[in-house]
Protein backbone atom coordinates (compact mmCIF):
# COMPACT_ATOMS: atom_id res chain seq x y z
CA MET A 1 45.03 70.11 -42.32
CA LYS A 2 48.15 67.98 -42.89
CA PHE A 3 51.08 69.32 -44.91
CA SER A 4 53.44 67.05 -46.83
CA TYR A 5 56.34 67.54 -49.22
CA VAL A 6 56.59 65.80 -52.59
CA THR A 7 59.97 65.74 -54.27
CA LEU A 8 61.05 65.16 -57.80
CA PRO A 9 64.13 63.06 -56.92
CA ASP A 10 66.43 64.70 -59.43
CA TYR A 11 68.78 66.40 -56.97
CA PRO A 12 72.09 64.88 -55.85
CA ILE A 13 71.16 62.15 -53.37
CA GLN A 14 72.76 63.85 -50.37
CA ASP A 15 70.92 67.08 -51.16
CA SER A 16 67.63 65.15 -51.30
CA ILE A 17 68.35 63.51 -47.95
CA GLU A 18 69.14 66.86 -46.34
CA THR A 19 65.86 68.32 -47.62
CA ILE A 20 63.94 65.30 -46.29
CA ARG A 21 65.67 65.78 -42.92
CA THR A 22 64.53 69.42 -42.94
CA ALA A 23 60.93 68.40 -43.63
CA ASP A 24 61.12 65.87 -40.80
CA GLU A 25 62.53 68.40 -38.33
CA LEU A 26 59.80 70.91 -39.26
CA GLY A 27 57.01 68.39 -38.64
CA TYR A 28 55.71 67.73 -42.15
CA HIS A 29 53.42 64.68 -42.27
CA ALA A 30 55.13 62.84 -45.13
CA VAL A 31 57.65 63.05 -47.91
CA TYR A 32 56.42 61.59 -51.16
CA SER A 33 58.05 61.11 -54.55
CA VAL A 34 56.91 60.33 -58.04
CA ASP A 35 57.76 56.78 -59.08
CA GLU A 36 58.66 57.28 -62.73
CA THR A 37 61.53 56.08 -64.92
CA TRP A 38 62.39 59.68 -65.74
CA HIS A 39 63.68 60.27 -62.19
CA LYS A 40 65.98 58.61 -59.67
CA ASP A 41 64.54 55.64 -57.79
CA LEU A 42 62.42 56.74 -54.84
CA TRP A 43 62.63 53.40 -52.99
CA VAL A 44 66.42 53.54 -52.78
CA LEU A 45 66.37 57.24 -51.86
CA PHE A 46 63.83 56.76 -49.07
CA ALA A 47 65.68 53.74 -47.66
CA ALA A 48 68.81 55.90 -47.53
CA ALA A 49 66.91 58.70 -45.77
CA ALA A 50 65.03 56.53 -43.29
CA ASP A 51 67.55 56.45 -40.44
CA LYS A 52 68.25 60.17 -40.84
CA THR A 53 64.65 60.98 -39.80
CA SER A 54 62.37 60.30 -36.84
CA ASN A 55 58.71 60.95 -37.64
CA ILE A 56 58.11 61.77 -41.29
CA ARG A 57 56.31 59.17 -43.36
CA PHE A 58 57.48 57.90 -46.77
CA GLY A 59 55.88 56.61 -49.94
CA PRO A 60 55.25 56.96 -53.65
CA ASP A 61 52.80 59.60 -54.82
CA LEU A 62 52.26 57.89 -57.06
CA THR A 63 53.44 54.46 -58.22
CA PRO A 64 52.13 53.22 -61.59
CA ILE A 65 50.50 49.80 -61.44
CA GLY A 66 50.33 49.98 -65.24
CA LEU A 67 54.10 49.41 -65.12
CA ARG A 68 54.81 47.96 -61.67
CA GLU A 69 53.21 44.62 -60.77
CA PRO A 70 51.09 45.18 -57.61
CA THR A 71 52.59 42.36 -55.52
CA GLN A 72 56.06 43.73 -56.26
CA VAL A 73 54.91 47.18 -55.14
CA VAL A 74 53.79 45.50 -51.90
CA GLN A 75 57.17 43.75 -51.55
CA ALA A 76 58.98 47.11 -51.81
CA LEU A 77 56.46 48.91 -49.61
CA ALA A 78 56.55 46.34 -46.82
CA THR A 79 60.36 46.29 -46.90
CA LEU A 80 60.48 50.10 -46.70
CA ASP A 81 57.98 49.94 -43.84
CA GLU A 82 60.41 47.77 -41.88
CA VAL A 83 63.34 50.05 -42.74
CA THR A 84 61.41 53.13 -41.57
CA GLY A 85 59.93 51.52 -38.48
CA GLY A 86 56.36 51.64 -39.76
CA ARG A 87 56.29 55.00 -41.56
CA THR A 88 55.04 54.22 -45.07
CA GLU A 89 51.96 54.75 -47.19
CA CYS A 90 51.27 54.27 -50.87
CA VAL A 91 49.49 56.34 -53.51
CA PHE A 92 48.95 54.52 -56.79
CA SER A 93 47.14 54.71 -60.12
CA ILE A 94 47.46 53.39 -63.66
CA GLY A 95 50.35 55.84 -64.15
CA ASN A 96 51.45 58.91 -66.08
CA PHE A 97 49.92 58.68 -69.56
CA GLY A 98 53.00 60.27 -71.14
CA LEU A 99 55.30 57.72 -69.53
CA LEU A 100 53.02 54.84 -70.55
CA SER A 101 53.10 56.06 -74.14
CA GLN A 102 56.91 55.94 -74.12
CA TYR A 103 56.57 52.27 -73.23
CA LYS A 104 54.23 51.92 -76.25
CA MET A 105 51.29 51.33 -73.90
CA ASP A 106 47.88 52.86 -74.71
CA TRP A 107 46.19 53.63 -71.39
CA LYS A 108 42.77 53.75 -73.09
CA LYS A 109 43.09 50.04 -73.89
CA MET A 110 44.21 49.11 -70.37
CA LYS A 111 40.81 49.54 -68.62
CA PRO A 112 42.53 51.85 -66.14
CA LEU A 113 39.86 52.12 -63.44
CA SER A 114 39.05 48.40 -63.47
CA ARG A 115 42.77 47.63 -63.30
CA VAL A 116 43.34 50.05 -60.41
CA LYS A 117 40.41 48.60 -58.44
CA GLU A 118 41.66 45.07 -58.95
CA ALA A 119 45.21 46.11 -58.05
CA HIS A 120 43.87 47.60 -54.82
CA HIS A 121 42.30 44.27 -53.90
CA VAL A 122 45.56 42.46 -54.67
CA MET A 123 47.71 44.93 -52.72
CA ARG A 124 45.41 45.07 -49.70
CA THR A 125 45.23 41.28 -49.52
CA PHE A 126 48.97 40.73 -49.99
CA LEU A 127 49.86 43.42 -47.42
CA ASP A 128 47.42 42.16 -44.82
CA GLU A 129 47.88 38.42 -45.27
CA GLY A 130 51.32 37.94 -46.86
CA THR A 131 49.86 35.47 -49.34
CA ILE A 132 47.35 35.51 -52.17
CA THR A 133 45.48 33.14 -54.42
CA PHE A 134 43.45 35.09 -56.94
CA ASP A 135 42.07 34.70 -60.47
CA GLY A 136 41.20 38.17 -61.68
CA GLU A 137 40.85 39.88 -65.02
CA PHE A 138 44.33 41.41 -64.88
CA TYR A 139 46.17 39.58 -62.09
CA LYS A 140 46.33 35.87 -61.28
CA TYR A 141 48.19 34.13 -58.45
CA ASP A 142 48.42 30.64 -57.04
CA SER A 143 49.52 30.64 -53.38
CA LEU A 144 52.00 33.48 -53.92
CA PHE A 145 53.65 34.50 -50.65
CA THR A 146 56.25 36.95 -49.35
CA PHE A 147 58.44 37.26 -46.26
CA ALA A 148 58.34 41.05 -46.68
CA ARG A 149 55.95 42.04 -43.91
CA PRO A 150 55.03 45.55 -42.81
CA VAL A 151 55.54 46.89 -39.31
CA GLN A 152 52.31 48.87 -39.34
CA GLU A 153 49.08 47.05 -38.71
CA ARG A 154 47.63 48.67 -41.82
CA ILE A 155 49.58 50.59 -44.47
CA PRO A 156 47.32 53.18 -46.12
CA LEU A 157 46.59 52.56 -49.80
CA ILE A 158 45.42 55.74 -51.49
CA PHE A 159 44.14 56.25 -55.03
CA GLY A 160 45.79 58.87 -57.22
CA ALA A 161 43.22 60.33 -59.64
CA MET A 162 42.86 63.35 -61.90
CA ARG A 163 39.89 62.96 -64.23
CA GLY A 164 36.92 61.65 -62.22
CA PRO A 165 34.12 61.20 -61.42
CA LYS A 166 34.23 57.38 -61.33
CA SER A 167 37.81 57.20 -60.03
CA PHE A 168 36.98 59.69 -57.24
CA GLN A 169 33.92 57.68 -56.28
CA ALA A 170 35.92 54.43 -56.32
CA ALA A 171 38.47 55.99 -53.98
CA GLY A 172 35.72 56.96 -51.57
CA GLU A 173 34.24 53.48 -51.73
CA LEU A 174 37.39 51.34 -51.54
CA ALA A 175 40.61 53.13 -50.62
CA ASP A 176 42.07 55.00 -47.65
CA GLY A 177 41.75 58.24 -49.55
CA CYS A 178 42.43 60.02 -52.81
CA HIS A 179 45.25 62.38 -53.81
CA HIS A 180 44.29 64.64 -56.69
CA ALA A 181 47.15 66.20 -58.65
CA LEU A 182 47.49 69.52 -60.41
CA SER A 183 44.19 71.17 -59.55
CA TYR A 184 44.04 74.66 -58.10
CA SER A 185 40.45 75.91 -58.45
CA LYS A 186 37.71 75.68 -55.84
CA GLU A 187 35.44 74.17 -58.49
CA ALA A 188 37.88 71.32 -59.15
CA TYR A 189 38.11 70.38 -55.47
CA GLU A 190 34.37 70.69 -54.86
CA TYR A 191 33.92 68.20 -57.70
CA LEU A 192 36.56 65.89 -56.18
CA VAL A 193 35.13 65.96 -52.66
CA GLU A 194 31.52 65.57 -53.77
CA ASN A 195 32.36 62.43 -55.74
CA ILE A 196 34.49 60.98 -52.93
CA ARG A 197 31.51 61.55 -50.65
CA ILE A 198 29.18 59.75 -53.07
CA GLY A 199 31.48 56.72 -53.18
CA ALA A 200 32.03 56.66 -49.43
CA GLU A 201 28.33 56.89 -48.61
CA ARG A 202 27.59 54.13 -51.10
CA ALA A 203 29.90 51.90 -49.06
CA GLY A 204 28.61 53.10 -45.69
CA ARG A 205 31.85 54.95 -44.91
CA ASP A 206 32.52 58.39 -43.43
CA TRP A 207 34.19 60.42 -46.20
CA GLN A 208 35.64 62.85 -43.67
CA GLU A 209 37.86 60.08 -42.25
CA LEU A 210 39.57 59.60 -45.62
CA ASP A 211 42.84 61.22 -46.70
CA ILE A 212 41.72 63.78 -49.29
CA GLY A 213 44.86 65.32 -50.70
CA ALA A 214 45.66 68.21 -53.03
CA TRP A 215 48.94 67.54 -54.89
CA CYS A 216 49.99 71.03 -55.99
CA VAL A 217 53.00 72.69 -57.55
CA ILE A 218 53.97 75.60 -55.30
CA VAL A 219 56.50 78.42 -55.24
CA CYS A 220 56.50 80.31 -51.94
CA ALA A 221 58.90 83.24 -51.76
CA PRO A 222 59.22 86.73 -50.25
CA ASP A 223 59.17 88.26 -53.77
CA ALA A 224 55.75 87.60 -55.30
CA GLU A 225 56.72 88.47 -58.85
CA GLU A 226 59.79 86.23 -58.81
CA ALA A 227 57.71 83.39 -57.34
CA LYS A 228 55.21 83.71 -60.17
CA ARG A 229 57.93 83.94 -62.82
CA THR A 230 59.45 80.76 -61.38
CA ALA A 231 56.10 79.00 -61.51
CA ARG A 232 55.57 80.11 -65.09
CA THR A 233 58.75 78.35 -66.20
CA ILE A 234 57.45 74.97 -65.05
CA VAL A 235 53.71 75.01 -65.92
CA ALA A 236 54.25 74.10 -69.57
CA PHE A 237 55.89 70.82 -68.57
CA TYR A 238 52.78 69.37 -66.95
CA ILE A 239 49.89 70.85 -68.92
CA SER A 240 49.87 67.86 -71.27
CA SER A 241 49.30 65.48 -68.34
CA MET A 242 46.07 67.23 -67.34
CA PRO A 243 42.87 65.69 -68.79
CA ASP A 244 40.59 68.00 -70.75
CA GLU A 245 37.88 67.70 -68.09
CA GLN A 246 40.30 68.84 -65.41
CA LEU A 247 41.36 71.88 -67.44
CA GLN A 248 37.70 72.79 -67.91
CA ARG A 249 37.26 72.85 -64.13
CA HIS A 250 39.83 75.68 -64.18
CA GLY A 251 37.99 77.61 -66.91
CA ILE A 252 40.49 76.52 -69.57
CA GLU A 253 39.82 74.75 -72.86
CA ALA A 254 42.52 72.28 -73.91
CA ALA A 255 42.66 73.86 -77.39
CA GLU A 256 43.88 77.11 -75.81
CA LEU A 257 46.98 75.33 -74.50
CA ALA A 258 47.72 73.19 -77.57
CA PRO A 259 50.38 75.63 -78.90
CA ILE A 260 52.26 75.34 -75.58
CA VAL A 261 52.25 71.56 -75.72
CA GLU A 262 53.34 71.61 -79.36
CA ALA A 263 56.21 74.03 -78.68
CA LEU A 264 57.40 71.88 -75.79
CA GLY A 265 57.21 68.80 -78.00
CA ARG A 266 59.51 70.50 -80.48
CA GLY A 267 61.96 71.34 -77.69
CA GLU A 268 61.26 75.07 -78.01
CA LEU A 269 61.45 75.88 -74.31
CA ASP A 270 61.56 79.66 -74.68
CA LYS A 271 58.52 79.57 -76.96
CA ALA A 272 56.62 77.37 -74.50
CA TYR A 273 57.45 79.82 -71.71
CA GLU A 274 56.35 82.79 -73.82
CA LEU A 275 53.01 81.10 -74.62
CA THR A 276 52.38 80.21 -70.97
CA THR A 277 50.75 83.45 -69.91
CA PRO A 278 50.69 84.83 -66.36
CA GLU A 279 46.93 84.21 -66.39
CA VAL A 280 47.40 80.49 -67.12
CA THR A 281 50.16 80.32 -64.51
CA GLU A 282 47.85 81.86 -61.90
CA LYS A 283 45.19 79.24 -62.63
CA LEU A 284 47.55 76.26 -62.62
CA THR A 285 49.96 76.87 -59.71
CA ILE A 286 50.11 78.20 -56.18
CA ALA A 287 52.73 80.92 -56.33
CA GLY A 288 53.49 84.09 -54.44
CA THR A 289 54.21 85.36 -50.96
CA PRO A 290 53.30 83.29 -47.90
CA GLU A 291 50.15 85.40 -47.54
CA GLU A 292 49.12 84.72 -51.14
CA CYS A 293 49.84 80.98 -50.79
CA THR A 294 47.84 80.85 -47.56
CA ALA A 295 44.83 82.43 -49.25
CA ARG A 296 44.91 79.90 -52.12
CA ILE A 297 45.24 76.95 -49.73
CA LYS A 298 42.40 78.29 -47.55
CA GLU A 299 40.14 78.20 -50.60
CA ILE A 300 41.12 74.58 -51.29
CA GLU A 301 40.62 73.64 -47.62
CA SER A 302 37.09 75.08 -47.67
CA THR A 303 35.98 72.29 -50.01
CA GLY A 304 36.80 69.47 -47.57
CA VAL A 305 40.39 68.75 -48.61
CA ASN A 306 42.38 67.82 -45.49
CA HIS A 307 45.90 67.27 -46.82
CA MET A 308 48.18 69.55 -48.86
CA ILE A 309 50.92 67.74 -50.79
CA LEU A 310 53.35 70.43 -51.91
CA CYS A 311 55.57 69.92 -54.94
CA ILE A 312 58.07 72.70 -54.37
CA THR A 313 59.63 74.29 -57.44
CA ASP A 314 63.07 75.73 -56.73
CA PRO A 315 66.13 76.95 -58.69
CA PRO A 316 67.74 73.51 -59.31
CA ILE A 317 64.46 72.08 -60.66
CA VAL A 318 63.86 75.08 -62.92
CA LYS A 319 67.45 74.88 -64.20
CA ALA A 320 67.08 71.18 -64.95
CA PHE A 321 63.71 71.47 -66.70
CA ALA A 322 63.79 74.91 -68.34
CA GLN A 323 67.46 75.95 -68.32
CA LYS A 324 66.52 79.22 -66.62
CA ASP A 325 67.92 80.93 -63.52
CA VAL A 326 65.43 82.10 -60.90
CA ASP A 327 65.82 83.86 -57.56
CA VAL A 328 63.61 82.07 -55.04
CA PRO A 329 64.55 80.01 -51.96
CA ASP A 330 65.62 76.42 -52.49
CA ALA A 331 63.40 73.54 -51.36
CA LYS A 332 64.70 73.66 -47.77
CA GLY A 333 64.16 77.41 -47.62
CA GLN A 334 60.61 77.14 -48.92
CA LEU A 335 59.81 74.29 -46.51
CA ARG A 336 60.88 76.58 -43.65
CA LEU A 337 58.97 79.57 -45.04
CA ILE A 338 55.79 77.52 -45.43
CA HIS A 339 56.25 76.07 -41.93
CA ASP A 340 56.79 79.48 -40.36
CA GLU A 341 54.31 81.63 -42.27
CA VAL A 342 51.68 79.39 -43.92
CA MET A 343 51.07 76.33 -41.74
CA PRO A 344 50.16 78.31 -38.57
CA ALA A 345 47.00 79.51 -40.35
CA PHE A 346 45.84 75.89 -40.53
CA ALA A 347 46.70 74.74 -37.01
CA ALA A 348 43.88 72.89 -35.31
């Protein structure tokens, strides 16, 4: 099992770099970041952090090809690969539906899976060959070339997907893996892995060689109750990004959570927190002591997931999002706690 750290790049830049250095020193596989207009630019941040680290890999998790043109993603990715000495990978999808809507883009009219599959072909070709001539449904090029060339022989291109099953199957068939965000139940990951397997076998591939990642919000702290209170403050902010089908795989009907989404939309943060019950929090986060976090991750691992991507929630993030004070370790402290008391349970 690999462990990686995903950051929301909203901290002061030097603080972010110090946290990335900590993850590198502790042996985490990668540091990822969301590539969304709401946050600071991950490409600039990672370029600034590159020479402060030795082994950790870098990349978006995920970058939205609904907003970023795929060949320009490749240009940035290949450049970062040179800056990092060959330590990049890329997770991509159509993008965050909420962000797309703020750009007045209706994802339902964008043929998201067809667009992602075509973007994968474009990105793989442009990365591997440095040039592309292509006449697709969404992307067209005539002898486009770039001098931005990767150091690695093959940069992994990984699908980001939440709904399934077709996107999970496409990842198994075409990509170097699939990272699945914001699921926490065994049922959800069994569904993910089964559909990745179907796609991989259809293409004559070994699904177990793919990067199958669980992108999870986590709060790991010595005080279980404070960890769970911290997690509760942040759940409301991402419920609306979870498809109905995904919620159902956690035993939740979307209608149950509609009042939370509505309160958040009105800016009523305290009301949203009040409506986000401890039971919902338990279903939609990993939160608690190292022992409790280990048990939850063990359940996810049992389904065939081989990579944990941990979005650590800490006091600065909670203050920025929910204007609340919480008493849990900061991101660096939680990275150390997870390294010392969770990761040993998953050593080969």
